[in-house]
Amino acid sequence: MSRIVVQEDRCKGCLLCTTVCPVGIIVQSDRFNVSGYKVAEVCEADADKCTGCASCAQICPDVAITVYKTPKKKKGE
């Protein structure tokens, strides 16, 4: 299962990642990080919808998002 991890201490809540997510699962959290920003997050209920496209990580100006992509199965597996 593909997923993203947001390093909350690096996130400044610009929410650019929310604008490029093709499935719309990244949202602004109600929590604040140590710098006082509301961070981006993926709700547990939507976590399995992540496609692993990495658009969010590419647009993040603070390099706060790591993408873990599930390898596709080869034909015959």
Protein backbone atom coordinates (compact mmCIF):
# COMPACT_ATOMS: atom_id res chain seq x y z
CA MET A 1 0.00 0.00 0.00
CA SER A 2 1.42 3.37 -1.02
CA ARG A 3 1.48 6.08 1.60
CA ILE A 4 3.01 9.43 2.50
CA VAL A 5 4.62 10.60 5.69
CA VAL A 6 4.65 14.31 6.54
CA GLN A 7 7.52 15.46 8.74
CA GLU A 8 5.45 17.76 10.88
CA ASP A 9 8.44 19.68 12.24
CA ARG A 10 9.33 20.73 8.66
CA CYS A 11 5.78 21.45 7.41
CA LYS A 12 4.77 25.11 7.42
CA GLY A 13 1.17 24.52 6.40
CA CYS A 14 1.35 26.05 2.92
CA LEU A 15 -0.98 23.26 1.71
CA LEU A 16 0.46 23.19 -1.81
CA CYS A 17 0.37 19.41 -1.48
CA THR A 18 -3.41 19.49 -1.17
CA THR A 19 -3.71 21.19 -4.55
CA VAL A 20 -1.86 18.48 -6.49
CA CYS A 21 -3.11 15.30 -4.84
CA PRO A 22 -5.06 13.50 -7.59
CA VAL A 23 -7.30 11.73 -5.07
CA GLY A 24 -7.73 14.68 -2.69
CA ILE A 25 -6.75 12.88 0.51
CA ILE A 26 -4.29 15.44 1.91
CA VAL A 27 -5.95 17.92 4.26
CA GLN A 28 -5.00 20.50 6.86
CA SER A 29 -4.75 19.05 10.34
CA ASP A 30 -6.26 20.53 13.47
CA ARG A 31 -2.87 20.02 15.18
CA PHE A 32 -0.10 22.59 15.33
CA ASN A 33 3.58 21.75 14.98
CA VAL A 34 6.30 23.19 17.23
CA SER A 35 6.55 26.27 15.00
CA GLY A 36 2.82 27.01 15.31
CA TYR A 37 1.75 25.89 11.84
CA LYS A 38 -1.22 23.65 11.12
CA VAL A 39 0.34 20.75 9.26
CA ALA A 40 -0.85 18.66 6.32
CA GLU A 41 -2.01 15.12 6.95
CA VAL A 42 -3.80 12.14 5.46
CA CYS A 43 -6.66 10.80 7.58
CA GLU A 44 -6.43 7.13 8.53
CA ALA A 45 -9.70 6.42 6.71
CA ASP A 46 -8.23 7.72 3.42
CA ALA A 47 -4.71 6.33 3.77
CA ASP A 48 -5.39 3.34 1.50
CA LYS A 49 -6.40 5.68 -1.35
CA CYS A 50 -2.84 7.00 -1.85
CA THR A 51 -1.58 6.15 -5.34
CA GLY A 52 2.08 6.91 -4.57
CA CYS A 53 2.28 9.43 -7.42
CA ALA A 54 4.66 11.66 -5.40
CA SER A 55 3.15 14.92 -6.70
CA CYS A 56 2.85 16.14 -3.12
CA ALA A 57 6.53 15.50 -2.39
CA GLN A 58 7.62 17.19 -5.60
CA ILE A 59 5.69 20.40 -4.92
CA CYS A 60 6.58 20.64 -1.20
CA PRO A 61 8.97 23.61 -0.80
CA ASP A 62 10.16 22.35 2.58
CA VAL A 63 10.90 18.73 1.57
CA ALA A 64 8.56 17.64 4.35
CA ILE A 65 6.89 14.72 2.54
CA THR A 66 8.28 11.25 2.01
CA VAL A 67 6.43 8.87 -0.32
CA TYR A 68 6.47 5.13 0.17
CA LYS A 69 5.22 3.50 -3.02
CA THR A 70 4.07 -0.10 -3.20
CA PRO A 71 5.85 -1.88 -6.03
CA LYS A 72 3.57 -3.06 -8.81
CA LYS A 73 3.32 -6.79 -9.26
CA LYS A 74 4.76 -8.17 -12.46
CA LYS A 75 2.56 -10.18 -14.76
CA GLY A 76 2.36 -13.77 -13.66
CA GLU A 77 2.94 -13.05 -9.96
